Amino acid sequence: MIKKVERKSAKAEVQIDNKNIKATQYSFKPGEETTFHKHEYDYVVVPITDGKLLLIGKDGKKTFASLKKGVSYFRKAGVKHNVINAGDSNLTFVELEIK
């Protein structure tokens, strides 16, 4: 039997949402998650703090990623995953969805 892990949700604050872009700041305490979601648009993540993420894909595959403050990355639309703060400290990043 697979035990479901209960996690609290990260705080998501939409800063901009117009016809061109949506900017959302995510703030995670250790162990908090976004919950499973699909990215409908191409997007850029801008880390505000250093941190470690656990990413769980649609197939259940787990991968880890390290975020470095100020080092942005780009992903294409269609990504399906849950994002979890796997570090020992608070983690913040801004996600820019390009509509």
C-alpha atoms as a PDB file:
ATOM      1  CA  MET A   1       0.000   0.000   0.000  1.00  0.00           C
ATOM      2  CA  ILE A   2       1.335   3.456  -0.945  1.00  0.00           C
ATOM      3  CA  LYS A   3       0.988   6.004   1.842  1.00  0.00           C
ATOM      4  CA  LYS A   4      -0.150   9.453   0.700  1.00  0.00           C
ATOM      5  CA  VAL A   5       2.004  12.223   2.144  1.00  0.00           C
ATOM      6  CA  GLU A   6       0.038  15.166   3.515  1.00  0.00           C
ATOM      7  CA  ARG A   7       1.735  18.497   2.766  1.00  0.00           C
ATOM      8  CA  LYS A   8       0.728  22.101   3.191  1.00  0.00           C
ATOM      9  CA  SER A   9       0.399  24.263   0.082  1.00  0.00           C
ATOM     10  CA  ALA A  10       2.932  26.910  -0.822  1.00  0.00           C
ATOM     11  CA  LYS A  11       1.719  30.509  -0.862  1.00  0.00           C
ATOM     12  CA  ALA A  12       1.015  31.776  -4.403  1.00  0.00           C
ATOM     13  CA  GLU A  13       0.624  35.526  -4.931  1.00  0.00           C
ATOM     14  CA  VAL A  14      -0.360  36.702  -8.432  1.00  0.00           C
ATOM     15  CA  GLN A  15       1.452  39.977  -9.099  1.00  0.00           C
ATOM     16  CA  ILE A  16       0.487  40.556 -12.744  1.00  0.00           C
ATOM     17  CA  ASP A  17      -2.160  38.885 -14.898  1.00  0.00           C
ATOM     18  CA  ASN A  18      -2.946  40.439 -18.259  1.00  0.00           C
ATOM     19  CA  LYS A  19      -3.301  39.298 -21.888  1.00  0.00           C
ATOM     20  CA  ASN A  20       0.488  38.914 -22.292  1.00  0.00           C
ATOM     21  CA  ILE A  21       1.887  37.525 -19.051  1.00  0.00           C
ATOM     22  CA  LYS A  22       1.062  36.152 -15.629  1.00  0.00           C
ATOM     23  CA  ALA A  23       3.613  36.698 -12.844  1.00  0.00           C
ATOM     24  CA  THR A  24       3.143  34.667  -9.663  1.00  0.00           C
ATOM     25  CA  GLN A  25       5.419  34.679  -6.626  1.00  0.00           C
ATOM     26  CA  TYR A  26       5.598  31.315  -4.847  1.00  0.00           C
ATOM     27  CA  SER A  27       6.778  31.111  -1.246  1.00  0.00           C
ATOM     28  CA  PHE A  28       7.410  27.673   0.268  1.00  0.00           C
ATOM     29  CA  LYS A  29       8.285  26.640   3.784  1.00  0.00           C
ATOM     30  CA  PRO A  30      10.243  23.360   3.952  1.00  0.00           C
ATOM     31  CA  GLY A  31       8.009  20.494   2.802  1.00  0.00           C
ATOM     32  CA  GLU A  32       5.308  22.692   1.232  1.00  0.00           C
ATOM     33  CA  GLU A  33       4.058  21.975  -2.300  1.00  0.00           C
ATOM     34  CA  THR A  34       2.327  23.563  -5.275  1.00  0.00           C
ATOM     35  CA  THR A  35       0.127  20.463  -5.727  1.00  0.00           C
ATOM     36  CA  PHE A  36      -0.001  18.635  -9.061  1.00  0.00           C
ATOM     37  CA  HIS A  37      -0.582  20.996 -12.008  1.00  0.00           C
ATOM     38  CA  LYS A  38      -0.063  21.400 -15.764  1.00  0.00           C
ATOM     39  CA  HIS A  39       1.642  24.424 -17.321  1.00  0.00           C
ATOM     40  CA  GLU A  40      -0.613  25.722 -20.099  1.00  0.00           C
ATOM     41  CA  TYR A  41       1.963  28.313 -21.264  1.00  0.00           C
ATOM     42  CA  ASP A  42       5.722  28.539 -21.761  1.00  0.00           C
ATOM     43  CA  TYR A  43       7.235  29.924 -18.563  1.00  0.00           C
ATOM     44  CA  VAL A  44      10.324  31.334 -16.890  1.00  0.00           C
ATOM     45  CA  VAL A  45      11.215  30.766 -13.224  1.00  0.00           C
ATOM     46  CA  VAL A  46      13.255  33.468 -11.451  1.00  0.00           C
ATOM     47  CA  PRO A  47      14.606  32.201  -8.095  1.00  0.00           C
ATOM     48  CA  ILE A  48      14.597  34.840  -5.336  1.00  0.00           C
ATOM     49  CA  THR A  49      16.385  32.503  -2.918  1.00  0.00           C
ATOM     50  CA  ASP A  50      18.635  29.470  -3.255  1.00  0.00           C
ATOM     51  CA  GLY A  51      16.832  26.201  -2.670  1.00  0.00           C
ATOM     52  CA  LYS A  52      16.267  22.550  -3.468  1.00  0.00           C
ATOM     53  CA  LEU A  53      13.132  21.258  -5.183  1.00  0.00           C
ATOM     54  CA  LEU A  54      11.615  17.801  -5.389  1.00  0.00           C
ATOM     55  CA  LEU A  55       9.692  17.498  -8.652  1.00  0.00           C
ATOM     56  CA  ILE A  56       7.187  14.671  -9.055  1.00  0.00           C
ATOM     57  CA  GLY A  57       6.159  14.135 -12.675  1.00  0.00           C
ATOM     58  CA  LYS A  58       2.854  12.916 -14.090  1.00  0.00           C
ATOM     59  CA  ASP A  59       4.301   9.389 -14.175  1.00  0.00           C
ATOM     60  CA  GLY A  60       5.331   9.545 -10.500  1.00  0.00           C
ATOM     61  CA  LYS A  61       9.024   9.936 -11.347  1.00  0.00           C
ATOM     62  CA  LYS A  62      10.902  11.969  -8.719  1.00  0.00           C
ATOM     63  CA  THR A  63      13.764  14.324  -9.586  1.00  0.00           C
ATOM     64  CA  PHE A  64      15.602  16.975  -7.612  1.00  0.00           C
ATOM     65  CA  ALA A  65      16.638  20.422  -8.829  1.00  0.00           C
ATOM     66  CA  SER A  66      18.770  23.092  -7.205  1.00  0.00           C
ATOM     67  CA  LEU A  67      17.744  26.724  -7.560  1.00  0.00           C
ATOM     68  CA  LYS A  68      20.306  29.500  -7.430  1.00  0.00           C
ATOM     69  CA  LYS A  69      19.185  33.009  -6.502  1.00  0.00           C
ATOM     70  CA  GLY A  70      18.923  35.151  -9.661  1.00  0.00           C
ATOM     71  CA  VAL A  71      19.621  32.278 -12.111  1.00  0.00           C
ATOM     72  CA  SER A  72      16.463  31.964 -14.222  1.00  0.00           C
ATOM     73  CA  TYR A  73      15.359  29.022 -16.350  1.00  0.00           C
ATOM     74  CA  PHE A  74      12.810  28.463 -19.140  1.00  0.00           C
ATOM     75  CA  ARG A  75      10.379  25.585 -19.733  1.00  0.00           C
ATOM     76  CA  LYS A  76       7.932  24.865 -22.558  1.00  0.00           C
ATOM     77  CA  ALA A  77       4.179  24.537 -22.012  1.00  0.00           C
ATOM     78  CA  GLY A  78       2.795  21.107 -21.175  1.00  0.00           C
ATOM     79  CA  VAL A  79       4.896  20.266 -18.111  1.00  0.00           C
ATOM     80  CA  LYS A  80       2.822  18.333 -15.539  1.00  0.00           C
ATOM     81  CA  HIS A  81       4.226  18.062 -12.020  1.00  0.00           C
ATOM     82  CA  ASN A  82       4.071  18.763  -8.306  1.00  0.00           C
ATOM     83  CA  VAL A  83       6.813  21.027  -6.919  1.00  0.00           C
ATOM     84  CA  ILE A  84       7.947  20.543  -3.306  1.00  0.00           C
ATOM     85  CA  ASN A  85      10.479  22.495  -1.239  1.00  0.00           C
ATOM     86  CA  ALA A  86      12.954  19.720  -0.407  1.00  0.00           C
ATOM     87  CA  GLY A  87      15.343  22.038   1.457  1.00  0.00           C
ATOM     88  CA  ASP A  88      15.705  23.041   5.081  1.00  0.00           C
ATOM     89  CA  SER A  89      14.878  26.736   4.618  1.00  0.00           C
ATOM     90  CA  ASN A  90      12.177  28.894   3.045  1.00  0.00           C
ATOM     91  CA  LEU A  91      12.193  29.082  -0.748  1.00  0.00           C
ATOM     92  CA  THR A  92      10.823  31.834  -3.007  1.00  0.00           C
ATOM     93  CA  PHE A  93      10.651  32.185  -6.781  1.00  0.00           C
ATOM     94  CA  VAL A  94       8.660  34.156  -9.352  1.00  0.00           C
ATOM     95  CA  GLU A  95       7.059  32.272 -12.217  1.00  0.00           C
ATOM     96  CA  LEU A  96       6.421  34.226 -15.439  1.00  0.00           C
ATOM     97  CA  GLU A  97       3.887  32.548 -17.748  1.00  0.00           C
ATOM     98  CA  ILE A  98       4.079  33.839 -21.313  1.00  0.00           C
ATOM     99  CA  LYS A  99       0.581  33.918 -22.816  1.00  0.00           C
END
